[in-house]
PDB file of N, CA and C in Angstrom:
ATOM      1  N   UNK A   1       0.749  -1.064  -0.106  1.00  0.00           N
ATOM      2  CA  UNK A   1      -0.180  -0.130  -0.102  1.00  0.00           C
ATOM      3  C   UNK A   1       0.799   1.356  -0.069  1.00  0.00           C
ATOM      4  N   UNK A   2       1.902   1.251   0.876  1.00  0.00           N
ATOM      5  CA  UNK A   2       2.919   2.486   0.702  1.00  0.00           C
ATOM      6  C   UNK A   2       3.471   2.723  -0.396  1.00  0.00           C
ATOM      7  N   UNK A   3       3.684   1.594  -1.203  1.00  0.00           N
ATOM      8  CA  UNK A   3       4.313   1.929  -2.460  1.00  0.00           C
ATOM      9  C   UNK A   3       3.421   2.365  -3.692  1.00  0.00           C
ATOM     10  N   UNK A   4       1.921   2.044  -3.407  1.00  0.00           N
ATOM     11  CA  UNK A   4       1.192   2.668  -4.172  1.00  0.00           C
ATOM     12  C   UNK A   4       0.906   3.957  -3.944  1.00  0.00           C
ATOM     13  N   UNK A   5       0.974   4.396  -2.697  1.00  0.00           N
ATOM     14  CA  UNK A   5       0.798   5.828  -2.272  1.00  0.00           C
ATOM     15  C   UNK A   5       2.063   6.758  -2.804  1.00  0.00           C
ATOM     16  N   UNK A   6       3.251   6.151  -2.688  1.00  0.00           N
ATOM     17  CA  UNK A   6       4.493   6.868  -2.933  1.00  0.00           C
ATOM     18  C   UNK A   6       4.472   7.034  -4.552  1.00  0.00           C
ATOM     19  N   UNK A   7       3.978   6.028  -5.151  1.00  0.00           N
ATOM     20  CA  UNK A   7       3.974   6.149  -6.762  1.00  0.00           C
ATOM     21  C   UNK A   7       2.905   7.184  -7.235  1.00  0.00           C
ATOM     22  N   UNK A   8       1.972   7.343  -6.347  1.00  0.00           N
ATOM     23  CA  UNK A   8       1.095   8.466  -7.024  1.00  0.00           C
ATOM     24  C   UNK A   8       1.649   9.682  -6.959  1.00  0.00           C
ATOM     25  N   UNK A   9       2.543  10.208  -6.310  1.00  0.00           N
ATOM     26  CA  UNK A   9       3.249  11.253  -5.893  1.00  0.00           C
ATOM     27  C   UNK A   9       4.318  11.511  -7.136  1.00  0.00           C
ATOM     28  N   UNK A  10       4.973  10.469  -7.802  1.00  0.00           N
ATOM     29  CA  UNK A  10       5.794  10.666  -8.565  1.00  0.00           C
ATOM     30  C   UNK A  10       5.479  11.202  -9.980  1.00  0.00           C
ATOM     31  N   UNK A  11       6.013  12.544 -10.479  1.00  0.00           N
ATOM     32  CA  UNK A  11       5.643  12.907 -11.609  1.00  0.00           C
ATOM     33  C   UNK A  11       5.835  12.364 -12.756  1.00  0.00           C
ATOM     34  N   UNK A  12       5.098  12.363 -13.911  1.00  0.00           N
ATOM     35  CA  UNK A  12       5.291  11.819 -15.057  1.00  0.00           C
ATOM     36  C   UNK A  12       5.908  12.476 -16.015  1.00  0.00           C
ATOM     37  N   UNK A  13       7.236  11.749 -16.553  1.00  0.00           N
ATOM     38  CA  UNK A  13       8.024  12.598 -17.339  1.00  0.00           C
ATOM     39  C   UNK A  13       7.546  12.845 -18.926  1.00  0.00           C
ATOM     40  N   UNK A  14       6.822  12.133 -19.119  1.00  0.00           N
ATOM     41  CA  UNK A  14       6.115  12.301 -20.504  1.00  0.00           C
ATOM     42  C   UNK A  14       4.678  12.633 -20.531  1.00  0.00           C
ATOM     43  N   UNK A  15       4.257  13.682 -19.794  1.00  0.00           N
ATOM     44  CA  UNK A  15       2.957  14.052 -19.485  1.00  0.00           C
ATOM     45  C   UNK A  15       2.841  15.454 -20.195  1.00  0.00           C
ATOM     46  N   UNK A  16       1.771  15.492 -21.005  1.00  0.00           N
ATOM     47  CA  UNK A  16       1.431  16.827 -21.774  1.00  0.00           C
ATOM     48  C   UNK A  16       0.127  17.457 -20.873  1.00  0.00           C
ATOM     49  N   UNK A  17       0.319  18.671 -20.607  1.00  0.00           N
ATOM     50  CA  UNK A  17      -0.905  18.988 -19.848  1.00  0.00           C
ATOM     51  C   UNK A  17      -1.438  20.456 -20.639  1.00  0.00           C
ATOM     52  N   UNK A  18      -2.780  20.186 -20.982  1.00  0.00           N
ATOM     53  CA  UNK A  18      -3.596  21.454 -21.712  1.00  0.00           C
ATOM     54  C   UNK A  18      -4.379  21.977 -20.817  1.00  0.00           C
ATOM     55  N   UNK A  19      -4.907  23.313 -21.103  1.00  0.00           N
ATOM     56  CA  UNK A  19      -5.763  23.900 -20.501  1.00  0.00           C
ATOM     57  C   UNK A  19      -6.699  24.400 -21.287  1.00  0.00           C
ATOM     58  N   UNK A  20      -8.218  24.038 -21.088  1.00  0.00           N
ATOM     59  CA  UNK A  20      -9.381  24.532 -21.694  1.00  0.00           C
ATOM     60  C   UNK A  20     -10.468  25.310 -20.743  1.00  0.00           C
ATOM     61  N   UNK A  21     -11.376  25.896 -21.402  1.00  0.00           N
ATOM     62  CA  UNK A  21     -12.381  26.415 -20.525  1.00  0.00           C
ATOM     63  C   UNK A  21     -13.725  25.762 -20.026  1.00  0.00           C
ATOM     64  N   UNK A  22     -13.640  24.512 -20.982  1.00  0.00           N
ATOM     65  CA  UNK A  22     -14.633  23.705 -20.388  1.00  0.00           C
ATOM     66  C   UNK A  22     -14.565  22.175 -20.861  1.00  0.00           C
ATOM     67  N   UNK A  23     -14.783  21.147 -20.020  1.00  0.00           N
ATOM     68  CA  UNK A  23     -14.904  20.106 -20.346  1.00  0.00           C
ATOM     69  C   UNK A  23     -16.359  19.351 -20.327  1.00  0.00           C
ATOM     70  N   UNK A  24     -16.770  18.776 -21.563  1.00  0.00           N
ATOM     71  CA  UNK A  24     -17.980  18.164 -21.563  1.00  0.00           C
ATOM     72  C   UNK A  24     -17.831  16.711 -21.735  1.00  0.00           C
ATOM     73  N   UNK A  25     -18.647  15.957 -20.950  1.00  0.00           N
ATOM     74  CA  UNK A  25     -18.854  14.487 -21.074  1.00  0.00           C
ATOM     75  C   UNK A  25     -20.138  14.287 -21.851  1.00  0.00           C
ATOM     76  N   UNK A  26     -19.895  13.953 -23.013  1.00  0.00           N
ATOM     77  CA  UNK A  26     -21.437  13.921 -23.974  1.00  0.00           C
ATOM     78  C   UNK A  26     -21.872  12.295 -24.179  1.00  0.00           C
ATOM     79  N   UNK A  27     -23.042  12.058 -23.676  1.00  0.00           N
ATOM     80  CA  UNK A  27     -23.676  10.842 -23.905  1.00  0.00           C
ATOM     81  C   UNK A  27     -24.658  10.900 -25.096  1.00  0.00           C
ATOM     82  N   UNK A  28     -23.975  10.538 -26.470  1.00  0.00           N
ATOM     83  CA  UNK A  28     -24.889  10.494 -27.512  1.00  0.00           C
ATOM     84  C   UNK A  28     -25.905   9.425 -27.764  1.00  0.00           C
ATOM     85  N   UNK A  29     -27.030   9.802 -28.211  1.00  0.00           N
ATOM     86  CA  UNK A  29     -28.208   8.754 -28.159  1.00  0.00           C
ATOM     87  C   UNK A  29     -28.535   8.651 -29.607  1.00  0.00           C
ATOM     88  N   UNK A  30     -28.555   7.599 -30.302  1.00  0.00           N
ATOM     89  CA  UNK A  30     -28.948   7.411 -31.764  1.00  0.00           C
ATOM     90  C   UNK A  30     -30.637   7.676 -31.885  1.00  0.00           C
ATOM     91  N   UNK A  31     -30.990   7.354 -33.235  1.00  0.00           N
ATOM     92  CA  UNK A  31     -32.118   7.870 -33.364  1.00  0.00           C
ATOM     93  C   UNK A  31     -33.440   6.662 -32.871  1.00  0.00           C
ATOM     94  N   UNK A  32     -32.601   5.503 -32.289  1.00  0.00           N
ATOM     95  CA  UNK A  32     -33.374   4.348 -31.825  1.00  0.00           C
ATOM     96  C   UNK A  32     -33.432   4.797 -30.035  1.00  0.00           C
ATOM     97  N   UNK A  33     -32.888   5.956 -29.664  1.00  0.00           N
ATOM     98  CA  UNK A  33     -32.905   6.155 -28.288  1.00  0.00           C
ATOM     99  C   UNK A  33     -31.847   5.359 -27.394  1.00  0.00           C
ATOM    100  N   UNK A  34     -30.966   4.778 -28.505  1.00  0.00           N
ATOM    101  CA  UNK A  34     -29.793   3.752 -27.712  1.00  0.00           C
ATOM    102  C   UNK A  34     -28.525   4.679 -27.446  1.00  0.00           C
ATOM    103  N   UNK A  35     -27.903   4.400 -26.336  1.00  0.00           N
ATOM    104  CA  UNK A  35     -26.678   5.107 -26.225  1.00  0.00           C
ATOM    105  C   UNK A  35     -25.397   4.548 -27.238  1.00  0.00           C
ATOM    106  N   UNK A  36     -25.145   5.517 -28.151  1.00  0.00           N
ATOM    107  CA  UNK A  36     -24.149   5.071 -29.315  1.00  0.00           C
ATOM    108  C   UNK A  36     -22.998   5.200 -28.745  1.00  0.00           C
ATOM    109  N   UNK A  37     -22.499   6.478 -28.188  1.00  0.00           N
ATOM    110  CA  UNK A  37     -21.103   6.264 -27.473  1.00  0.00           C
ATOM    111  C   UNK A  37     -20.956   7.540 -26.564  1.00  0.00           C
ATOM    112  N   UNK A  38     -19.888   7.527 -25.934  1.00  0.00           N
ATOM    113  CA  UNK A  38     -19.680   8.544 -24.978  1.00  0.00           C
ATOM    114  C   UNK A  38     -18.629   9.229 -25.021  1.00  0.00           C
ATOM    115  N   UNK A  39     -18.443  10.531 -25.332  1.00  0.00           N
ATOM    116  CA  UNK A  39     -17.145  11.169 -25.723  1.00  0.00           C
ATOM    117  C   UNK A  39     -16.994  12.358 -24.934  1.00  0.00           C
ATOM    118  N   UNK A  40     -15.419  12.747 -24.857  1.00  0.00           N
ATOM    119  CA  UNK A  40     -15.199  13.771 -23.863  1.00  0.00           C
ATOM    120  C   UNK A  40     -14.714  15.010 -25.009  1.00  0.00           C
ATOM    121  N   UNK A  41     -15.378  15.899 -24.569  1.00  0.00           N
ATOM    122  CA  UNK A  41     -14.990  17.311 -25.817  1.00  0.00           C
ATOM    123  C   UNK A  41     -14.595  18.264 -24.911  1.00  0.00           C
ATOM    124  N   UNK A  42     -13.477  18.736 -25.438  1.00  0.00           N
ATOM    125  CA  UNK A  42     -12.780  19.931 -24.684  1.00  0.00           C
ATOM    126  C   UNK A  42     -12.977  21.260 -25.416  1.00  0.00           C
ATOM    127  N   UNK A  43     -13.582  22.328 -24.864  1.00  0.00           N
ATOM    128  CA  UNK A  43     -14.145  23.585 -25.379  1.00  0.00           C
ATOM    129  C   UNK A  43     -13.098  24.756 -24.826  1.00  0.00           C
ATOM    130  N   UNK A  44     -13.155  25.718 -25.955  1.00  0.00           N
ATOM    131  CA  UNK A  44     -12.712  26.978 -25.478  1.00  0.00           C
ATOM    132  C   UNK A  44     -13.675  27.806 -25.681  1.00  0.00           C
ATOM    133  N   UNK A  45     -13.561  29.267 -24.938  1.00  0.00           N
ATOM    134  CA  UNK A  45     -14.764  30.210 -25.287  1.00  0.00           C
ATOM    135  C   UNK A  45     -13.887  31.499 -26.186  1.00  0.00           C
ATOM    136  N   UNK A  46     -14.613  31.388 -27.166  1.00  0.00           N
ATOM    137  CA  UNK A  46     -14.103  32.628 -28.231  1.00  0.00           C
ATOM    138  C   UNK A  46     -15.413  33.261 -28.725  1.00  0.00           C
ATOM    139  N   UNK A  47     -16.311  34.104 -28.042  1.00  0.00           N
ATOM    140  CA  UNK A  47     -17.453  34.483 -28.558  1.00  0.00           C
ATOM    141  C   UNK A  47     -18.524  33.657 -28.309  1.00  0.00           C
ATOM    142  N   UNK A  48     -18.150  32.243 -28.567  1.00  0.00           N
ATOM    143  CA  UNK A  48     -18.931  31.105 -28.181  1.00  0.00           C
ATOM    144  C   UNK A  48     -18.081  30.108 -27.967  1.00  0.00           C
ATOM    145  N   UNK A  49     -18.586  28.860 -27.570  1.00  0.00           N
ATOM    146  CA  UNK A  49     -17.734  27.788 -27.247  1.00  0.00           C
ATOM    147  C   UNK A  49     -17.174  26.924 -28.677  1.00  0.00           C
ATOM    148  N   UNK A  50     -15.913  26.718 -28.771  1.00  0.00           N
ATOM    149  CA  UNK A  50     -15.296  26.212 -29.905  1.00  0.00           C
ATOM    150  C   UNK A  50     -14.764  24.997 -29.455  1.00  0.00           C
ATOM    151  N   UNK A  51     -14.822  23.947 -30.035  1.00  0.00           N
ATOM    152  CA  UNK A  51     -14.019  22.567 -29.914  1.00  0.00           C
ATOM    153  C   UNK A  51     -12.644  22.748 -29.961  1.00  0.00           C
ATOM    154  N   UNK A  52     -11.939  22.329 -29.107  1.00  0.00           N
ATOM    155  CA  UNK A  52     -10.616  22.159 -29.104  1.00  0.00           C
ATOM    156  C   UNK A  52     -10.179  20.549 -29.525  1.00  0.00           C
ATOM    157  N   UNK A  53     -10.725  19.809 -29.018  1.00  0.00           N
ATOM    158  CA  UNK A  53     -10.395  18.340 -29.513  1.00  0.00           C
ATOM    159  C   UNK A  53     -11.344  17.708 -28.648  1.00  0.00           C
ATOM    160  N   UNK A  54     -11.648  16.114 -28.964  1.00  0.00           N
ATOM    161  CA  UNK A  54     -12.721  15.314 -28.323  1.00  0.00           C
ATOM    162  C   UNK A  54     -11.915  13.964 -28.361  1.00  0.00           C
ATOM    163  N   UNK A  55     -12.417  13.060 -27.687  1.00  0.00           N
ATOM    164  CA  UNK A  55     -11.943  11.537 -27.482  1.00  0.00           C
ATOM    165  C   UNK A  55     -12.965  10.827 -26.993  1.00  0.00           C
ATOM    166  N   UNK A  56     -12.851   9.819 -27.328  1.00  0.00           N
ATOM    167  CA  UNK A  56     -14.048   8.778 -26.711  1.00  0.00           C
ATOM    168  C   UNK A  56     -13.666   8.711 -25.375  1.00  0.00           C
ATOM    169  N   UNK A  57     -14.591   8.328 -24.507  1.00  0.00           N
ATOM    170  CA  UNK A  57     -14.517   8.234 -23.000  1.00  0.00           C
ATOM    171  C   UNK A  57     -14.085   7.054 -22.644  1.00  0.00           C
ATOM    172  N   UNK A  58     -12.905   6.797 -21.940  1.00  0.00           N
ATOM    173  CA  UNK A  58     -12.252   5.703 -21.495  1.00  0.00           C
ATOM    174  C   UNK A  58     -11.754   5.741 -19.848  1.00  0.00           C
ATOM    175  N   UNK A  59     -11.914   6.997 -19.415  1.00  0.00           N
ATOM    176  CA  UNK A  59     -11.606   6.994 -17.941  1.00  0.00           C
ATOM    177  C   UNK A  59     -12.578   8.131 -17.475  1.00  0.00           C
ATOM    178  N   UNK A  60     -12.230   8.550 -16.377  1.00  0.00           N
ATOM    179  CA  UNK A  60     -13.061   9.657 -15.449  1.00  0.00           C
ATOM    180  C   UNK A  60     -12.768  10.943 -15.436  1.00  0.00           C
ATOM    181  N   UNK A  61     -13.739  11.839 -15.287  1.00  0.00           N
ATOM    182  CA  UNK A  61     -13.262  13.337 -15.213  1.00  0.00           C
ATOM    183  C   UNK A  61     -13.203  13.432 -13.531  1.00  0.00           C
ATOM    184  N   UNK A  62     -12.051  13.885 -13.205  1.00  0.00           N
ATOM    185  CA  UNK A  62     -11.651  13.985 -11.839  1.00  0.00           C
ATOM    186  C   UNK A  62     -11.430  15.295 -11.096  1.00  0.00           C
ATOM    187  N   UNK A  63     -12.232  15.607 -10.037  1.00  0.00           N
ATOM    188  CA  UNK A  63     -11.956  16.959  -9.627  1.00  0.00           C
ATOM    189  C   UNK A  63     -10.480  17.270  -9.130  1.00  0.00           C
ATOM    190  N   UNK A  64      -9.992  18.487  -9.331  1.00  0.00           N
ATOM    191  CA  UNK A  64      -8.725  18.944  -8.876  1.00  0.00           C
ATOM    192  C   UNK A  64      -8.933  20.376  -8.347  1.00  0.00           C
ATOM    193  N   UNK A  65      -7.728  21.038  -7.908  1.00  0.00           N
ATOM    194  CA  UNK A  65      -7.496  22.220  -7.121  1.00  0.00           C
ATOM    195  C   UNK A  65      -8.029  23.270  -8.514  1.00  0.00           C
ATOM    196  N   UNK A  66      -7.564  23.063  -9.681  1.00  0.00           N
ATOM    197  CA  UNK A  66      -7.797  24.020 -10.647  1.00  0.00           C
ATOM    198  C   UNK A  66      -9.257  23.739 -11.196  1.00  0.00           C
ATOM    199  N   UNK A  67      -9.983  22.822 -10.808  1.00  0.00           N
ATOM    200  CA  UNK A  67     -11.366  22.630 -11.494  1.00  0.00           C
ATOM    201  C   UNK A  67     -11.541  21.193 -11.605  1.00  0.00           C
ATOM    202  N   UNK A  68     -11.528  20.724 -12.793  1.00  0.00           N
ATOM    203  CA  UNK A  68     -11.732  19.325 -13.290  1.00  0.00           C
ATOM    204  C   UNK A  68     -10.313  18.946 -14.247  1.00  0.00           C
ATOM    205  N   UNK A  69     -10.070  17.674 -14.207  1.00  0.00           N
ATOM    206  CA  UNK A  69      -9.261  16.915 -15.367  1.00  0.00           C
ATOM    207  C   UNK A  69      -9.698  15.801 -15.745  1.00  0.00           C
ATOM    208  N   UNK A  70      -9.057  15.384 -17.143  1.00  0.00           N
ATOM    209  CA  UNK A  70      -9.375  14.266 -17.712  1.00  0.00           C
ATOM    210  C   UNK A  70      -8.023  13.885 -18.306  1.00  0.00           C
ATOM    211  N   UNK A  71      -7.640  12.382 -17.883  1.00  0.00           N
ATOM    212  CA  UNK A  71      -6.589  12.018 -18.387  1.00  0.00           C
ATOM    213  C   UNK A  71      -6.575  10.749 -19.022  1.00  0.00           C
ATOM    214  N   UNK A  72      -5.436  10.419 -20.186  1.00  0.00           N
ATOM    215  CA  UNK A  72      -5.416   9.163 -20.719  1.00  0.00           C
ATOM    216  C   UNK A  72      -4.066   9.074 -21.266  1.00  0.00           C
ATOM    217  N   UNK A  73      -3.758   7.930 -21.848  1.00  0.00           N
ATOM    218  CA  UNK A  73      -2.337   7.763 -22.435  1.00  0.00           C
ATOM    219  C   UNK A  73      -2.725   7.681 -24.055  1.00  0.00           C
ATOM    220  N   UNK A  74      -1.709   8.448 -24.489  1.00  0.00           N
ATOM    221  CA  UNK A  74      -1.926   8.805 -25.883  1.00  0.00           C
ATOM    222  C   UNK A  74      -0.624   7.971 -26.597  1.00  0.00           C
ATOM    223  N   UNK A  75      -1.006   7.031 -27.553  1.00  0.00           N
ATOM    224  CA  UNK A  75      -0.177   6.040 -28.127  1.00  0.00           C
ATOM    225  C   UNK A  75       0.602   5.173 -27.095  1.00  0.00           C
ATOM    226  N   UNK A  76      -0.135   5.012 -25.953  1.00  0.00           N
ATOM    227  CA  UNK A  76       0.626   4.160 -24.979  1.00  0.00           C
ATOM    228  C   UNK A  76       1.884   4.618 -24.156  1.00  0.00           C
ATOM    229  N   UNK A  77       2.426   5.891 -24.902  1.00  0.00           N
ATOM    230  CA  UNK A  77       3.614   6.352 -24.054  1.00  0.00           C
ATOM    231  C   UNK A  77       3.618   7.626 -23.480  1.00  0.00           C
ATOM    232  N   UNK A  78       2.711   8.401 -23.948  1.00  0.00           N
ATOM    233  CA  UNK A  78       2.439   9.762 -23.546  1.00  0.00           C
ATOM    234  C   UNK A  78       1.184   9.930 -22.491  1.00  0.00           C
ATOM    235  N   UNK A  79       1.429  10.428 -21.267  1.00  0.00           N
ATOM    236  CA  UNK A  79       0.048  10.639 -20.520  1.00  0.00           C
ATOM    237  C   UNK A  79      -0.316  12.126 -20.826  1.00  0.00           C
ATOM    238  N   UNK A  80      -1.590  12.075 -21.271  1.00  0.00           N
ATOM    239  CA  UNK A  80      -2.287  13.415 -21.452  1.00  0.00           C
ATOM    240  C   UNK A  80      -3.109  13.859 -20.231  1.00  0.00           C
ATOM    241  N   UNK A  81      -3.235  15.250 -20.107  1.00  0.00           N
ATOM    242  CA  UNK A  81      -4.106  15.705 -18.866  1.00  0.00           C
ATOM    243  C   UNK A  81      -4.664  16.986 -19.541  1.00  0.00           C
ATOM    244  N   UNK A  82      -5.848  17.002 -19.488  1.00  0.00           N
ATOM    245  CA  UNK A  82      -6.599  18.142 -20.001  1.00  0.00           C
ATOM    246  C   UNK A  82      -7.397  18.967 -18.707  1.00  0.00           C
ATOM    247  N   UNK A  83      -7.105  20.206 -18.352  1.00  0.00           N
ATOM    248  CA  UNK A  83      -7.671  20.829 -17.120  1.00  0.00           C
ATOM    249  C   UNK A  83      -8.533  21.917 -17.422  1.00  0.00           C
ATOM    250  N   UNK A  84      -9.510  22.047 -16.649  1.00  0.00           N
ATOM    251  CA  UNK A  84     -10.799  23.070 -16.968  1.00  0.00           C
ATOM    252  C   UNK A  84     -11.349  23.385 -15.788  1.00  0.00           C
ATOM    253  N   UNK A  85     -11.803  24.809 -15.699  1.00  0.00           N
ATOM    254  CA  UNK A  85     -12.598  25.233 -14.449  1.00  0.00           C
ATOM    255  C   UNK A  85     -13.966  24.540 -14.458  1.00  0.00           C
ATOM    256  N   UNK A  86     -14.429  24.446 -15.645  1.00  0.00           N
ATOM    257  CA  UNK A  86     -15.903  23.799 -15.747  1.00  0.00           C
ATOM    258  C   UNK A  86     -16.153  22.437 -16.317  1.00  0.00           C
ATOM    259  N   UNK A  87     -16.827  21.689 -15.672  1.00  0.00           N
ATOM    260  CA  UNK A  87     -17.174  20.354 -16.363  1.00  0.00           C
ATOM    261  C   UNK A  87     -18.634  20.107 -16.319  1.00  0.00           C
ATOM    262  N   UNK A  88     -19.247  19.384 -17.415  1.00  0.00           N
ATOM    263  CA  UNK A  88     -20.546  19.018 -17.248  1.00  0.00           C
ATOM    264  C   UNK A  88     -20.794  17.873 -18.290  1.00  0.00           C
ATOM    265  N   UNK A  89     -21.955  17.050 -17.538  1.00  0.00           N
ATOM    266  CA  UNK A  89     -22.209  15.680 -18.263  1.00  0.00           C
ATOM    267  C   UNK A  89     -23.627  16.156 -19.051  1.00  0.00           C
ATOM    268  N   UNK A  90     -23.663  15.680 -20.442  1.00  0.00           N
ATOM    269  CA  UNK A  90     -24.671  16.088 -21.329  1.00  0.00           C
ATOM    270  C   UNK A  90     -25.339  14.913 -21.993  1.00  0.00           C
ATOM    271  N   UNK A  91     -26.586  14.669 -22.389  1.00  0.00           N
ATOM    272  CA  UNK A  91     -27.075  13.525 -23.035  1.00  0.00           C
ATOM    273  C   UNK A  91     -28.033  14.085 -24.031  1.00  0.00           C
ATOM    274  N   UNK A  92     -27.448  13.960 -25.375  1.00  0.00           N
ATOM    275  CA  UNK A  92     -28.044  14.486 -26.367  1.00  0.00           C
ATOM    276  C   UNK A  92     -28.316  13.535 -27.535  1.00  0.00           C
ATOM    277  N   UNK A  93     -29.398  13.810 -28.403  1.00  0.00           N
ATOM    278  CA  UNK A  93     -29.770  13.219 -29.582  1.00  0.00           C
ATOM    279  C   UNK A  93     -28.740  13.621 -30.917  1.00  0.00           C
ATOM    280  N   UNK A  94     -27.984  14.475 -30.700  1.00  0.00           N
ATOM    281  CA  UNK A  94     -27.141  14.939 -31.708  1.00  0.00           C
ATOM    282  C   UNK A  94     -25.564  15.013 -31.106  1.00  0.00           C
ATOM    283  N   UNK A  95     -24.653  15.165 -32.031  1.00  0.00           N
ATOM    284  CA  UNK A  95     -23.288  15.108 -31.716  1.00  0.00           C
ATOM    285  C   UNK A  95     -22.678  16.697 -31.522  1.00  0.00           C
ATOM    286  N   UNK A  96     -22.563  17.080 -30.472  1.00  0.00           N
ATOM    287  CA  UNK A  96     -22.107  18.642 -30.215  1.00  0.00           C
ATOM    288  C   UNK A  96     -20.793  18.801 -31.011  1.00  0.00           C
ATOM    289  N   UNK A  97     -19.937  17.937 -31.042  1.00  0.00           N
ATOM    290  CA  UNK A  97     -18.656  17.995 -31.775  1.00  0.00           C
ATOM    291  C   UNK A  97     -18.814  18.202 -33.085  1.00  0.00           C
ATOM    292  N   UNK A  98     -19.580  17.234 -33.669  1.00  0.00           N
ATOM    293  CA  UNK A  98     -19.985  17.316 -35.322  1.00  0.00           C
ATOM    294  C   UNK A  98     -20.771  18.741 -35.591  1.00  0.00           C
ATOM    295  N   UNK A  99     -21.633  19.146 -34.677  1.00  0.00           N
ATOM    296  CA  UNK A  99     -22.388  20.422 -35.095  1.00  0.00           C
ATOM    297  C   UNK A  99     -21.380  21.563 -34.908  1.00  0.00           C
ATOM    298  N   UNK A 100     -20.369  21.596 -33.961  1.00  0.00           N
ATOM    299  CA  UNK A 100     -19.426  22.672 -34.189  1.00  0.00           C
ATOM    300  C   UNK A 100     -18.490  22.541 -35.316  1.00  0.00           C
ATOM    301  N   UNK A 101     -18.342  21.586 -35.833  1.00  0.00           N
ATOM    302  CA  UNK A 101     -17.449  21.431 -37.323  1.00  0.00           C
ATOM    303  C   UNK A 101     -18.460  22.207 -38.401  1.00  0.00           C
ATOM    304  N   UNK A 102     -19.554  22.477 -38.307  1.00  0.00           N
ATOM    305  CA  UNK A 102     -20.144  23.424 -39.174  1.00  0.00           C
ATOM    306  C   UNK A 102     -19.723  24.826 -38.825  1.00  0.00           C
ATOM    307  N   UNK A 103     -19.442  25.334 -37.993  1.00  0.00           N
ATOM    308  CA  UNK A 103     -18.888  26.622 -37.560  1.00  0.00           C
ATOM    309  C   UNK A 103     -17.458  26.897 -37.604  1.00  0.00           C
ATOM    310  N   UNK A 104     -16.919  25.835 -36.978  1.00  0.00           N
ATOM    311  CA  UNK A 104     -15.382  25.889 -37.165  1.00  0.00           C
ATOM    312  C   UNK A 104     -14.684  24.381 -37.601  1.00  0.00           C
ATOM    313  N   UNK A 105     -14.320  24.417 -38.877  1.00  0.00           N
ATOM    314  CA  UNK A 105     -13.612  23.262 -39.418  1.00  0.00           C
ATOM    315  C   UNK A 105     -12.455  22.743 -38.752  1.00  0.00           C
ATOM    316  N   UNK A 106     -12.320  21.501 -38.682  1.00  0.00           N
ATOM    317  CA  UNK A 106     -11.215  20.744 -37.868  1.00  0.00           C
ATOM    318  C   UNK A 106     -10.076  21.220 -38.097  1.00  0.00           C
ATOM    319  N   UNK A 107      -9.540  21.844 -39.280  1.00  0.00           N
ATOM    320  CA  UNK A 107      -8.096  22.223 -39.329  1.00  0.00           C
ATOM    321  C   UNK A 107      -7.995  23.622 -38.669  1.00  0.00           C
ATOM    322  N   UNK A 108      -9.093  24.388 -38.390  1.00  0.00           N
ATOM    323  CA  UNK A 108      -8.931  25.576 -37.567  1.00  0.00           C
ATOM    324  C   UNK A 108      -8.990  25.314 -36.380  1.00  0.00           C
ATOM    325  N   UNK A 109      -9.154  24.352 -35.588  1.00  0.00           N
ATOM    326  CA  UNK A 109      -9.205  24.112 -34.185  1.00  0.00           C
ATOM    327  C   UNK A 109      -7.932  24.220 -33.770  1.00  0.00           C
ATOM    328  N   UNK A 110      -7.852  24.678 -32.384  1.00  0.00           N
ATOM    329  CA  UNK A 110      -6.434  24.769 -31.877  1.00  0.00           C
ATOM    330  C   UNK A 110      -5.818  23.533 -31.482  1.00  0.00           C
ATOM    331  N   UNK A 111      -6.601  22.760 -31.203  1.00  0.00           N
ATOM    332  CA  UNK A 111      -6.134  21.131 -31.005  1.00  0.00           C
ATOM    333  C   UNK A 111      -5.376  21.064 -29.648  1.00  0.00           C
ATOM    334  N   UNK A 112      -4.761  20.020 -29.285  1.00  0.00           N
ATOM    335  CA  UNK A 112      -4.112  20.056 -28.183  1.00  0.00           C
ATOM    336  C   UNK A 112      -2.544  19.825 -28.218  1.00  0.00           C
ATOM    337  N   UNK A 113      -1.781  20.100 -27.280  1.00  0.00           N
ATOM    338  CA  UNK A 113      -0.357  20.284 -27.472  1.00  0.00           C
ATOM    339  C   UNK A 113       0.197  19.108 -28.347  1.00  0.00           C
ATOM    340  N   UNK A 114       1.232  19.413 -28.980  1.00  0.00           N
ATOM    341  CA  UNK A 114       1.976  18.225 -29.845  1.00  0.00           C
ATOM    342  C   UNK A 114       3.307  17.959 -28.767  1.00  0.00           C
ATOM    343  N   UNK A 115       3.867  17.003 -28.951  1.00  0.00           N
ATOM    344  CA  UNK A 115       4.986  16.131 -28.118  1.00  0.00           C
ATOM    345  C   UNK A 115       6.076  17.578 -28.490  1.00  0.00           C
TER     346      UNK A 115
END
């Protein structure tokens, strides 16, 4: 147990940290009202919310001092962490990330940090 506790304080060498204005966990339901997928969408405020990036949900959003964070391993070698002051879970019959593509094409999104 002590080893596990000590390991939790060891910083990750290959960790990329990004900051966004809002993290949304979106539960998308298809036209048969069945849960199709759960995605995590990262948003910035630019006169309206603009999608920075998204990922299929594989872990949990966790409260922290700065607000909330979502973490995952990118390509199994780099730990990514996205922090936001605001977090919300939504249940929709449309895909908010796809709707945002109509306003801001994927190539114009800020995206997350590169290595």
